[in-house]
Amino acid sequence: MIETERLTIIPLTLEQVRVHIADRYRLEESLGLKKGHREVVEPLLSIIRYFTIPRLQDGSNDPLYHTMWLAIDRQKQQFVAEAKFKGEPDETGTVEIGYGTYPALRRHGYMSEMVSGLVSWVIQQPGVYRVVADTETENVASQRVLEKNRFRLFDRVEDMLWWEYTP
């Protein structure tokens, strides 16, 4: 669990990930939270089904680098955003992060705060020296999240921009 100014960021267990995609509000009910705007849609649904769950079932993987992390606004007692790492650190000590805010909750700073909390946590983990993320060239909001968190642009491949954070 990670605490930021407004958020509690929790890594989901395998069972919680299954509930996350199976039922609209059962996860909130199980954690004593209010129903909110959480909705799992494509392409995230396929990513969870075909990558996240199988990797969480593999005991050789560190679940914190493969699970979904959900942000709870402590005042609202609702989920407001989600993110995930895309695997353990590679041979260079790099991890990749992906993230998203629920459409109804955009422009409230949740994603910037969540990314800040996750990056602060992961960069303290053994063997992690760099965090990368990609954004589409047209996704200015996502680029702003990374800029606010001191990521720097280091590559462009067609319509994808690649960003990195190094302490």
C-alpha atoms as a PDB file:
ATOM      1  CA  MET A   1       0.000   0.000   0.000  1.00  0.00           C
ATOM      2  CA  ILE A   2       1.204   3.495  -0.881  1.00  0.00           C
ATOM      3  CA  GLU A   3      -0.102   6.698   0.689  1.00  0.00           C
ATOM      4  CA  THR A   4      -0.005  10.071  -1.070  1.00  0.00           C
ATOM      5  CA  GLU A   5      -1.628  13.376  -0.132  1.00  0.00           C
ATOM      6  CA  ARG A   6      -5.152  12.303  -1.170  1.00  0.00           C
ATOM      7  CA  LEU A   7      -4.775   8.706  -2.266  1.00  0.00           C
ATOM      8  CA  THR A   8      -4.287   5.230  -0.906  1.00  0.00           C
ATOM      9  CA  ILE A   9      -2.842   3.088  -3.693  1.00  0.00           C
ATOM     10  CA  ILE A  10      -3.323  -0.654  -3.299  1.00  0.00           C
ATOM     11  CA  PRO A  11      -1.986  -3.630  -5.257  1.00  0.00           C
ATOM     12  CA  LEU A  12      -4.744  -6.127  -5.979  1.00  0.00           C
ATOM     13  CA  THR A  13      -4.442  -9.815  -5.132  1.00  0.00           C
ATOM     14  CA  LEU A  14      -5.165 -12.376  -7.848  1.00  0.00           C
ATOM     15  CA  GLU A  15      -8.670 -12.890  -6.440  1.00  0.00           C
ATOM     16  CA  GLN A  16      -9.269  -9.129  -6.329  1.00  0.00           C
ATOM     17  CA  VAL A  17      -8.152  -8.818  -9.973  1.00  0.00           C
ATOM     18  CA  ARG A  18     -10.682 -11.492 -10.923  1.00  0.00           C
ATOM     19  CA  VAL A  19     -13.415  -9.611  -9.051  1.00  0.00           C
ATOM     20  CA  HIS A  20     -12.223  -6.347 -10.648  1.00  0.00           C
ATOM     21  CA  ILE A  21     -13.135  -7.621 -14.118  1.00  0.00           C
ATOM     22  CA  ALA A  22     -16.082  -9.859 -13.185  1.00  0.00           C
ATOM     23  CA  ASP A  23     -18.463  -7.535 -11.412  1.00  0.00           C
ATOM     24  CA  ARG A  24     -19.020  -3.789 -11.552  1.00  0.00           C
ATOM     25  CA  TYR A  25     -19.174  -3.093  -7.776  1.00  0.00           C
ATOM     26  CA  ARG A  26     -18.266  -6.277  -5.885  1.00  0.00           C
ATOM     27  CA  LEU A  27     -14.670  -5.118  -5.418  1.00  0.00           C
ATOM     28  CA  GLU A  28     -15.849  -1.880  -3.808  1.00  0.00           C
ATOM     29  CA  GLU A  29     -18.239  -3.795  -1.566  1.00  0.00           C
ATOM     30  CA  SER A  30     -15.500  -6.202  -0.469  1.00  0.00           C
ATOM     31  CA  LEU A  31     -13.270  -3.266   0.553  1.00  0.00           C
ATOM     32  CA  GLY A  32     -16.004  -1.165   2.164  1.00  0.00           C
ATOM     33  CA  LEU A  33     -15.808   1.531  -0.513  1.00  0.00           C
ATOM     34  CA  LYS A  34     -18.533   3.556  -2.209  1.00  0.00           C
ATOM     35  CA  LYS A  35     -19.620   2.744  -5.734  1.00  0.00           C
ATOM     36  CA  GLY A  36     -17.932   5.062  -8.186  1.00  0.00           C
ATOM     37  CA  HIS A  37     -16.799   5.320 -11.778  1.00  0.00           C
ATOM     38  CA  ARG A  38     -14.585   2.230 -12.037  1.00  0.00           C
ATOM     39  CA  GLU A  39     -15.182   0.399 -15.289  1.00  0.00           C
ATOM     40  CA  VAL A  40     -12.918  -2.123 -16.997  1.00  0.00           C
ATOM     41  CA  VAL A  41     -13.190  -1.825 -20.779  1.00  0.00           C
ATOM     42  CA  GLU A  42     -11.070  -2.837 -23.755  1.00  0.00           C
ATOM     43  CA  PRO A  43      -8.157  -2.911 -24.268  1.00  0.00           C
ATOM     44  CA  LEU A  44      -7.526  -3.120 -20.496  1.00  0.00           C
ATOM     45  CA  LEU A  45      -9.934  -6.048 -20.102  1.00  0.00           C
ATOM     46  CA  SER A  46      -7.918  -8.163 -22.562  1.00  0.00           C
ATOM     47  CA  ILE A  47      -4.625  -7.116 -20.966  1.00  0.00           C
ATOM     48  CA  ILE A  48      -5.895  -8.285 -17.578  1.00  0.00           C
ATOM     49  CA  ARG A  49      -7.340 -11.554 -18.906  1.00  0.00           C
ATOM     50  CA  TYR A  50      -4.438 -12.587 -21.125  1.00  0.00           C
ATOM     51  CA  PHE A  51      -1.409 -11.087 -19.371  1.00  0.00           C
ATOM     52  CA  THR A  52      -2.095  -9.965 -15.803  1.00  0.00           C
ATOM     53  CA  ILE A  53      -3.996 -13.008 -14.518  1.00  0.00           C
ATOM     54  CA  PRO A  54      -1.666 -15.634 -16.075  1.00  0.00           C
ATOM     55  CA  ARG A  55       1.383 -13.813 -14.713  1.00  0.00           C
ATOM     56  CA  LEU A  56      -0.168 -13.568 -11.252  1.00  0.00           C
ATOM     57  CA  GLN A  57      -0.855 -17.317 -11.372  1.00  0.00           C
ATOM     58  CA  ASP A  58       2.848 -17.976 -12.049  1.00  0.00           C
ATOM     59  CA  GLY A  59       4.523 -18.197  -8.642  1.00  0.00           C
ATOM     60  CA  SER A  60       7.913 -17.294 -10.128  1.00  0.00           C
ATOM     61  CA  ASN A  61       6.720 -13.732 -10.863  1.00  0.00           C
ATOM     62  CA  ASP A  62       6.720 -10.949  -8.281  1.00  0.00           C
ATOM     63  CA  PRO A  63       3.001 -10.057  -8.134  1.00  0.00           C
ATOM     64  CA  LEU A  64       3.660  -6.381  -7.346  1.00  0.00           C
ATOM     65  CA  TYR A  65       5.133  -5.957 -10.841  1.00  0.00           C
ATOM     66  CA  HIS A  66       2.245  -7.745 -12.581  1.00  0.00           C
ATOM     67  CA  THR A  67      -0.935  -6.816 -10.723  1.00  0.00           C
ATOM     68  CA  MET A  68      -3.287  -3.871 -11.057  1.00  0.00           C
ATOM     69  CA  TRP A  69      -2.770  -1.024  -8.581  1.00  0.00           C
ATOM     70  CA  LEU A  70      -5.925   0.964  -7.791  1.00  0.00           C
ATOM     71  CA  ALA A  71      -6.029   4.446  -6.270  1.00  0.00           C
ATOM     72  CA  ILE A  72      -8.645   5.251  -3.641  1.00  0.00           C
ATOM     73  CA  ASP A  73      -9.550   8.861  -2.899  1.00  0.00           C
ATOM     74  CA  ARG A  74      -9.619   8.659   0.909  1.00  0.00           C
ATOM     75  CA  GLN A  75     -12.096  11.521   1.267  1.00  0.00           C
ATOM     76  CA  LYS A  76     -14.551  10.167  -1.330  1.00  0.00           C
ATOM     77  CA  GLN A  77     -13.880   6.520  -0.378  1.00  0.00           C
ATOM     78  CA  GLN A  78     -13.958   5.607  -4.074  1.00  0.00           C
ATOM     79  CA  PHE A  79     -11.599   4.210  -6.684  1.00  0.00           C
ATOM     80  CA  VAL A  80     -10.396   7.034  -8.932  1.00  0.00           C
ATOM     81  CA  ALA A  81      -7.590   5.626 -11.103  1.00  0.00           C
ATOM     82  CA  GLU A  82      -5.549   2.541 -11.874  1.00  0.00           C
ATOM     83  CA  ALA A  83      -2.092   1.632 -13.055  1.00  0.00           C
ATOM     84  CA  LYS A  84       0.222  -1.320 -13.482  1.00  0.00           C
ATOM     85  CA  PHE A  85       3.828  -2.149 -13.998  1.00  0.00           C
ATOM     86  CA  LYS A  86       4.482  -4.253 -17.069  1.00  0.00           C
ATOM     87  CA  GLY A  87       6.807  -6.746 -15.406  1.00  0.00           C
ATOM     88  CA  GLU A  88       9.839  -6.946 -13.174  1.00  0.00           C
ATOM     89  CA  PRO A  89      12.928  -4.816 -13.786  1.00  0.00           C
ATOM     90  CA  ASP A  90      14.870  -5.878 -16.869  1.00  0.00           C
ATOM     91  CA  GLU A  91      18.646  -6.392 -17.003  1.00  0.00           C
ATOM     92  CA  THR A  92      19.179  -2.599 -17.028  1.00  0.00           C
ATOM     93  CA  GLY A  93      16.972  -2.031 -13.969  1.00  0.00           C
ATOM     94  CA  THR A  94      14.115  -0.599 -16.059  1.00  0.00           C
ATOM     95  CA  VAL A  95      10.421  -1.086 -15.333  1.00  0.00           C
ATOM     96  CA  GLU A  96       7.553   0.122 -17.490  1.00  0.00           C
ATOM     97  CA  ILE A  97       4.371   1.698 -16.118  1.00  0.00           C
ATOM     98  CA  GLY A  98       0.948   2.088 -17.693  1.00  0.00           C
ATOM     99  CA  TYR A  99      -1.961   4.015 -16.194  1.00  0.00           C
ATOM    100  CA  GLY A 100      -5.447   5.420 -16.647  1.00  0.00           C
ATOM    101  CA  THR A 101      -8.009   7.641 -14.955  1.00  0.00           C
ATOM    102  CA  TYR A 102     -11.715   6.915 -15.203  1.00  0.00           C
ATOM    103  CA  PRO A 103     -13.223   9.309 -17.777  1.00  0.00           C
ATOM    104  CA  ALA A 104     -15.583  10.988 -15.300  1.00  0.00           C
ATOM    105  CA  LEU A 105     -12.635  11.822 -13.015  1.00  0.00           C
ATOM    106  CA  ARG A 106     -10.141  13.290 -15.444  1.00  0.00           C
ATOM    107  CA  ARG A 107      -8.568  16.707 -14.793  1.00  0.00           C
ATOM    108  CA  HIS A 108      -8.520  16.292 -11.011  1.00  0.00           C
ATOM    109  CA  GLY A 109      -4.807  15.479 -10.717  1.00  0.00           C
ATOM    110  CA  TYR A 110      -5.411  11.883  -9.638  1.00  0.00           C
ATOM    111  CA  MET A 111      -3.200  10.348 -12.287  1.00  0.00           C
ATOM    112  CA  SER A 112      -0.286  12.697 -11.628  1.00  0.00           C
ATOM    113  CA  GLU A 113      -0.528  11.898  -7.921  1.00  0.00           C
ATOM    114  CA  MET A 114      -0.838   8.153  -8.502  1.00  0.00           C
ATOM    115  CA  VAL A 115       2.124   8.031 -10.890  1.00  0.00           C
ATOM    116  CA  SER A 116       4.161  10.043  -8.384  1.00  0.00           C
ATOM    117  CA  GLY A 117       3.370   7.573  -5.611  1.00  0.00           C
ATOM    118  CA  LEU A 118       4.101   4.504  -7.710  1.00  0.00           C
ATOM    119  CA  VAL A 119       7.343   5.901  -9.124  1.00  0.00           C
ATOM    120  CA  SER A 120       8.520   6.926  -5.646  1.00  0.00           C
ATOM    121  CA  TRP A 121       7.792   3.404  -4.400  1.00  0.00           C
ATOM    122  CA  VAL A 122       9.240   1.436  -7.327  1.00  0.00           C
ATOM    123  CA  ILE A 123      12.463   3.426  -7.598  1.00  0.00           C
ATOM    124  CA  GLN A 124      13.242   2.361  -4.005  1.00  0.00           C
ATOM    125  CA  GLN A 125      12.921  -1.336  -4.867  1.00  0.00           C
ATOM    126  CA  PRO A 126      16.103  -3.402  -5.293  1.00  0.00           C
ATOM    127  CA  GLY A 127      17.360  -3.460  -8.866  1.00  0.00           C
ATOM    128  CA  VAL A 128      15.154  -0.605 -10.151  1.00  0.00           C
ATOM    129  CA  TYR A 129      17.028   2.365 -11.633  1.00  0.00           C
ATOM    130  CA  ARG A 130      14.691   3.657 -14.331  1.00  0.00           C
ATOM    131  CA  VAL A 131      10.963   3.857 -15.089  1.00  0.00           C
ATOM    132  CA  VAL A 132       9.638   4.172 -18.638  1.00  0.00           C
ATOM    133  CA  ALA A 133       6.200   4.874 -20.096  1.00  0.00           C
ATOM    134  CA  ASP A 134       4.741   5.383 -23.546  1.00  0.00           C
ATOM    135  CA  THR A 135       2.049   7.761 -24.747  1.00  0.00           C
ATOM    136  CA  GLU A 136       0.424   8.379 -28.072  1.00  0.00           C
ATOM    137  CA  THR A 137       1.555  11.619 -29.695  1.00  0.00           C
ATOM    138  CA  GLU A 138      -2.008  12.959 -29.458  1.00  0.00           C
ATOM    139  CA  ASN A 139      -2.473  12.121 -25.757  1.00  0.00           C
ATOM    140  CA  VAL A 140      -1.381  15.454 -24.311  1.00  0.00           C
ATOM    141  CA  ALA A 141      -2.985  14.765 -20.908  1.00  0.00           C
ATOM    142  CA  SER A 142      -0.879  11.635 -20.427  1.00  0.00           C
ATOM    143  CA  GLN A 143       2.229  13.508 -21.518  1.00  0.00           C
ATOM    144  CA  ARG A 144       1.492  16.194 -18.899  1.00  0.00           C
ATOM    145  CA  VAL A 145       1.248  13.498 -16.208  1.00  0.00           C
ATOM    146  CA  LEU A 146       4.730  12.314 -17.124  1.00  0.00           C
ATOM    147  CA  GLU A 147       6.177  15.834 -17.376  1.00  0.00           C
ATOM    148  CA  LYS A 148       4.793  16.679 -13.921  1.00  0.00           C
ATOM    149  CA  ASN A 149       6.564  13.605 -12.595  1.00  0.00           C
ATOM    150  CA  ARG A 150       9.934  14.591 -14.101  1.00  0.00           C
ATOM    151  CA  PHE A 151       9.912  12.051 -16.921  1.00  0.00           C
ATOM    152  CA  ARG A 152      11.799  13.121 -20.010  1.00  0.00           C
ATOM    153  CA  LEU A 153      11.057  12.260 -23.610  1.00  0.00           C
ATOM    154  CA  PHE A 154      13.748   9.976 -25.024  1.00  0.00           C
ATOM    155  CA  ASP A 155      12.305   8.388 -28.177  1.00  0.00           C
ATOM    156  CA  ARG A 156       9.537   8.431 -30.755  1.00  0.00           C
ATOM    157  CA  VAL A 157       8.408   5.419 -32.764  1.00  0.00           C
ATOM    158  CA  GLU A 158       5.734   6.373 -35.298  1.00  0.00           C
ATOM    159  CA  ASP A 159       2.877   7.818 -33.202  1.00  0.00           C
ATOM    160  CA  MET A 160       4.234   6.637 -29.834  1.00  0.00           C
ATOM    161  CA  LEU A 161       6.380   8.766 -27.537  1.00  0.00           C
ATOM    162  CA  TRP A 162       8.676   7.053 -25.016  1.00  0.00           C
ATOM    163  CA  TRP A 163       9.451   8.708 -21.685  1.00  0.00           C
ATOM    164  CA  GLU A 164      11.868   7.862 -18.867  1.00  0.00           C
ATOM    165  CA  TYR A 165      12.358   8.749 -15.236  1.00  0.00           C
ATOM    166  CA  THR A 166      15.712   8.328 -13.571  1.00  0.00           C
ATOM    167  CA  PRO A 167      16.364   9.675 -10.074  1.00  0.00           C
END
